[in-house]
Amino acid sequence: MIKPYAASLLFAALITVPCVADALAQSPAASSTDDVPRERSVRIVPDAPDNVTAAADPPVSLARLDTMNAGLKIDNTAGLSLDLVPSGEVVAGSRIGFRITTKQQGYLILLDIDPAGRLKQIFPVIATETAPATSGEASSLIKPGKPMVIPQLGGPYAAFEFVAEPPSGVAMVVALLSDRPVQVVDLPDTPPPAFAPNDTLKYVRDQTLTLIVPGKKDNQWEKPRWSFDGKAYLIR
């Protein structure tokens, strides 16, 4: 899975150009018991136990991985596009970056699903003992014609790095774009059994579409409009 850490001063010093690609080349939905809907945009279910292990699947070729990604098509009216840097195969312990573009303005959330099926929000960063939270709604706002690069020297995301970690196998990053300022999604922490990239993307979509957020008026709840994109990658 990918895990966010607060980057050290040494890491910042190593990156000498404001381009993440060059730098990295070096290295159950909750239910309510009353009549009032429960806000589901303020937290995420904690990690699954550490003893979860991935099924022993045959190795996946890069050609097969490309075919998987080509078939990952789902609700995407905003023209959301997610790219991993580097893409394809990564070695456990390697840094990974992201480049996201959109044709419609919205608020971005990134989820990682590791080869064992464990789901974790990786952006905006949720505060932990080792990393501060990404601050403010504006930090996740993305606009047409202005790609969001994470991390990027001199930008609001320069203080964070993302590292591929075991287990080995096929993992996935899913980008979610909301027309409302949602910072955190509350989703079950594991997809159903028989994890497969295309099924997992649909699972995340289906779960996300059930989320509601406070409306502009008191006691009013609304469903945001979402767009989705996903990329599978291979951890060795």
Protein backbone atom coordinates (compact mmCIF):
# COMPACT_ATOMS: atom_id res chain seq x y z
CA MET A 1 0.00 0.00 0.00
CA ILE A 2 1.04 3.63 -0.19
CA LYS A 3 1.64 5.37 3.09
CA PRO A 4 2.07 9.13 3.61
CA TYR A 5 4.95 10.42 5.73
CA ALA A 6 6.10 13.91 6.64
CA ALA A 7 9.13 14.51 4.42
CA SER A 8 12.43 15.39 6.05
CA LEU A 9 14.60 18.39 5.23
CA LEU A 10 17.00 15.95 3.58
CA PHE A 11 14.28 14.82 1.13
CA ALA A 12 13.44 18.43 0.30
CA ALA A 13 17.10 19.16 -0.37
CA LEU A 14 17.40 16.22 -2.72
CA ILE A 15 14.70 17.53 -5.03
CA THR A 16 16.27 20.28 -7.12
CA VAL A 17 13.62 20.86 -9.79
CA PRO A 18 9.89 21.62 -9.42
CA CYS A 19 8.83 18.56 -11.33
CA VAL A 20 7.76 15.42 -9.51
CA ALA A 21 8.55 13.17 -12.46
CA ASP A 22 12.24 14.17 -12.51
CA ALA A 23 12.58 13.97 -8.74
CA LEU A 24 10.91 10.61 -8.41
CA ALA A 25 12.97 9.14 -11.22
CA GLN A 26 15.74 9.08 -8.70
CA SER A 27 14.21 7.24 -6.30
CA PRO A 28 -19.86 -0.94 5.24
CA ALA A 29 -21.21 2.31 4.87
CA ALA A 30 -22.18 3.64 8.31
CA SER A 31 -25.87 3.57 9.20
CA SER A 32 -27.94 5.82 11.49
CA THR A 33 -30.46 4.70 14.05
CA ASP A 34 -32.48 7.91 14.08
CA ASP A 35 -34.27 10.01 11.50
CA VAL A 36 -31.41 12.48 11.06
CA PRO A 37 -28.90 11.48 8.37
CA ARG A 38 -25.42 10.93 9.68
CA GLU A 39 -22.63 12.92 8.10
CA ARG A 40 -20.21 10.53 6.46
CA SER A 41 -17.63 12.97 5.21
CA VAL A 42 -15.67 13.59 8.38
CA ARG A 43 -13.70 10.41 9.01
CA ILE A 44 -12.44 7.18 7.50
CA VAL A 45 -12.54 3.70 8.99
CA PRO A 46 -9.16 2.82 10.59
CA ASP A 47 -6.75 0.48 8.89
CA ALA A 48 -7.50 -3.22 8.81
CA PRO A 49 -5.38 -5.42 11.10
CA ASP A 50 -1.76 -5.75 10.04
CA ASN A 51 -2.02 -9.51 9.73
CA VAL A 52 -4.14 -9.25 6.55
CA THR A 53 -2.24 -10.87 3.70
CA ALA A 54 -2.76 -10.86 -0.03
CA ALA A 55 -3.76 -13.98 -1.89
CA ALA A 56 -0.97 -15.72 -3.76
CA ASP A 57 -1.75 -14.72 -7.34
CA PRO A 58 0.41 -15.42 -10.40
CA PRO A 59 2.76 -12.59 -11.41
CA VAL A 60 1.17 -9.90 -13.57
CA SER A 61 3.01 -8.70 -16.67
CA LEU A 62 3.25 -5.00 -17.51
CA ALA A 63 1.27 -5.68 -20.67
CA ARG A 64 -1.51 -7.19 -18.58
CA LEU A 65 -1.34 -4.20 -16.24
CA ASP A 66 -1.75 -1.82 -19.18
CA THR A 67 -4.79 -3.82 -20.30
CA MET A 68 -6.28 -3.55 -16.81
CA ASN A 69 -5.84 0.21 -16.76
CA ALA A 70 -7.26 0.60 -20.25
CA GLY A 71 -10.42 -1.12 -19.04
CA LEU A 72 -10.89 1.04 -15.93
CA LYS A 73 -13.70 3.20 -17.24
CA ILE A 74 -16.40 4.46 -14.90
CA ASP A 75 -18.46 7.58 -14.06
CA ASN A 76 -16.25 10.48 -15.05
CA THR A 77 -18.31 13.43 -16.28
CA ALA A 78 -15.64 15.88 -15.03
CA GLY A 79 -12.96 14.34 -17.26
CA LEU A 80 -10.81 13.47 -14.24
CA SER A 81 -7.43 11.93 -15.12
CA LEU A 82 -4.95 10.33 -12.71
CA ASP A 83 -1.36 9.37 -13.58
CA LEU A 84 1.23 7.73 -11.33
CA VAL A 85 4.90 8.69 -11.47
CA PRO A 86 6.45 6.24 -12.08
CA SER A 87 3.63 4.18 -13.55
CA GLY A 88 3.44 0.43 -13.96
CA GLU A 89 5.82 -1.51 -11.73
CA VAL A 90 7.44 -0.13 -8.59
CA VAL A 91 9.74 -1.69 -6.02
CA ALA A 92 8.59 -1.70 -2.40
CA GLY A 93 10.20 1.27 -0.69
CA SER A 94 10.08 3.47 -3.82
CA ARG A 95 8.53 6.93 -3.79
CA ILE A 96 5.46 7.46 -5.96
CA GLY A 97 3.95 10.74 -7.13
CA PHE A 98 0.70 11.74 -8.76
CA ARG A 99 -0.39 14.06 -11.56
CA ILE A 100 -4.10 14.84 -11.71
CA THR A 101 -6.03 16.88 -14.26
CA THR A 102 -9.71 17.68 -14.67
CA LYS A 103 -12.02 19.42 -17.11
CA GLN A 104 -14.31 20.61 -14.30
CA GLN A 105 -13.44 22.23 -10.99
CA GLY A 106 -13.77 20.04 -7.92
CA TYR A 107 -12.28 18.74 -4.70
CA LEU A 108 -9.87 15.84 -4.95
CA ILE A 109 -9.53 12.76 -2.76
CA LEU A 110 -7.06 9.93 -3.40
CA LEU A 111 -7.53 6.41 -2.05
CA ASP A 112 -5.02 3.56 -2.10
CA ILE A 113 -6.06 -0.10 -2.15
CA ASP A 114 -3.11 -2.40 -1.48
CA PRO A 115 -2.74 -5.96 -2.87
CA ALA A 116 -4.37 -7.33 0.30
CA GLY A 117 -7.46 -5.20 -0.35
CA ARG A 118 -6.91 -2.68 2.46
CA LEU A 119 -8.28 0.75 1.63
CA LYS A 120 -6.75 3.98 2.92
CA GLN A 121 -7.22 7.67 2.15
CA ILE A 122 -3.84 9.16 1.24
CA PHE A 123 -4.92 12.65 0.10
CA PRO A 124 -5.89 15.01 1.61
CA VAL A 125 -3.65 13.69 4.36
CA ILE A 126 -5.40 12.82 7.59
CA ALA A 127 -3.43 13.92 10.64
CA THR A 128 -1.27 11.19 12.25
CA GLU A 129 1.57 11.09 14.74
CA THR A 130 4.07 11.28 11.86
CA ALA A 131 2.31 13.62 9.43
CA PRO A 132 0.19 16.75 9.78
CA ALA A 133 -3.13 16.99 8.01
CA THR A 134 -3.44 18.78 4.70
CA SER A 135 -4.95 22.09 5.75
CA GLY A 136 -8.00 23.81 4.30
CA GLU A 137 -10.46 23.06 1.54
CA ALA A 138 -8.35 25.01 -0.97
CA SER A 139 -5.55 22.46 -0.62
CA SER A 140 -7.63 19.83 -2.43
CA LEU A 141 -9.30 22.15 -4.95
CA ILE A 142 -8.30 21.41 -8.53
CA LYS A 143 -9.22 23.53 -11.54
CA PRO A 144 -9.32 22.91 -15.30
CA GLY A 145 -6.05 23.63 -17.06
CA LYS A 146 -4.06 23.51 -13.81
CA PRO A 147 -2.67 20.01 -13.17
CA MET A 148 -2.17 19.05 -9.54
CA VAL A 149 1.23 17.44 -8.93
CA ILE A 150 1.89 15.63 -5.64
CA PRO A 151 4.50 16.11 -4.28
CA GLN A 152 5.92 19.25 -5.89
CA LEU A 153 8.77 21.40 -4.60
CA GLY A 154 7.57 24.88 -3.72
CA GLY A 155 3.90 23.79 -3.68
CA PRO A 156 1.52 23.01 -0.82
CA TYR A 157 2.33 19.28 -1.05
CA ALA A 158 6.13 19.52 -0.89
CA ALA A 159 6.15 18.39 2.75
CA PHE A 160 4.80 14.91 1.99
CA GLU A 161 6.04 11.80 0.24
CA PHE A 162 4.28 8.60 -0.75
CA VAL A 163 6.07 5.26 -0.53
CA ALA A 164 5.04 1.89 -1.96
CA GLU A 165 5.04 -0.76 0.74
CA PRO A 166 4.51 -4.55 0.86
CA PRO A 167 2.71 -6.82 0.28
CA SER A 168 3.68 -7.36 -3.34
CA GLY A 169 1.05 -7.70 -6.04
CA VAL A 170 -1.46 -5.53 -7.89
CA ALA A 171 -2.55 -2.40 -6.03
CA MET A 172 -4.63 0.57 -7.09
CA VAL A 173 -4.96 4.31 -6.55
CA VAL A 174 -8.45 5.77 -7.04
CA ALA A 175 -9.04 9.48 -7.60
CA LEU A 176 -12.41 10.92 -6.53
CA LEU A 177 -13.55 14.40 -7.54
CA SER A 178 -16.48 16.03 -5.75
CA ASP A 179 -18.31 19.21 -6.73
CA ARG A 180 -18.67 19.90 -2.99
CA PRO A 181 -15.79 20.57 -0.53
CA VAL A 182 -15.44 17.05 0.89
CA GLN A 183 -12.12 16.47 2.67
CA VAL A 184 -12.51 12.94 4.05
CA VAL A 185 -14.56 9.95 2.93
CA ASP A 186 -15.92 7.35 5.30
CA LEU A 187 -15.79 4.03 3.46
CA PRO A 188 -15.42 0.41 4.60
CA ASP A 189 -11.71 -0.32 4.87
CA THR A 190 -11.69 -3.39 2.63
CA PRO A 191 -13.47 -4.24 -0.63
CA PRO A 192 -15.31 -7.56 -0.78
CA PRO A 193 -13.37 -10.81 -1.39
CA ALA A 194 -11.96 -11.67 -4.82
CA PHE A 195 -10.22 -8.31 -5.17
CA ALA A 196 -9.77 -7.24 -8.79
CA PRO A 197 -8.97 -3.72 -10.03
CA ASN A 198 -12.09 -3.16 -12.14
CA ASP A 199 -14.40 -4.61 -9.47
CA THR A 200 -12.68 -2.55 -6.79
CA LEU A 201 -13.12 0.70 -8.72
CA LYS A 202 -16.82 -0.04 -9.08
CA TYR A 203 -17.01 -0.91 -5.39
CA VAL A 204 -15.45 2.42 -4.40
CA ARG A 205 -17.83 4.21 -6.79
CA ASP A 206 -20.91 2.48 -5.38
CA GLN A 207 -19.91 3.17 -1.77
CA THR A 208 -18.99 6.80 -2.47
CA LEU A 209 -22.32 7.52 -4.16
CA THR A 210 -24.10 6.75 -0.87
CA LEU A 211 -22.29 9.53 1.00
CA ILE A 212 -24.15 12.68 2.04
CA VAL A 213 -22.82 16.03 3.22
CA PRO A 214 -24.38 19.00 5.03
CA GLY A 215 -26.27 21.32 2.70
CA LYS A 216 -26.15 25.09 2.57
CA LYS A 217 -29.24 25.33 4.76
CA ASP A 218 -29.66 24.01 8.30
CA ASN A 219 -30.89 20.43 8.60
CA GLN A 220 -30.37 19.91 4.89
CA TRP A 221 -28.29 17.04 3.49
CA GLU A 222 -27.11 16.61 -0.05
CA LYS A 223 -25.29 14.12 -2.24
CA PRO A 224 -22.25 15.52 -4.04
CA ARG A 225 -21.69 14.85 -7.73
CA TRP A 226 -18.63 12.61 -8.16
CA SER A 227 -16.23 11.65 -10.91
CA PHE A 228 -13.75 8.78 -10.69
CA ASP A 229 -10.51 7.58 -12.22
CA GLY A 230 -8.20 4.78 -11.13
CA LYS A 231 -4.80 3.34 -11.94
CA ALA A 232 -3.54 -0.12 -11.06
CA TYR A 233 0.15 -0.56 -10.31
CA LEU A 234 2.37 -3.49 -9.46
CA ILE A 235 4.44 -3.70 -6.27
CA ARG A 236 7.46 -6.01 -6.44
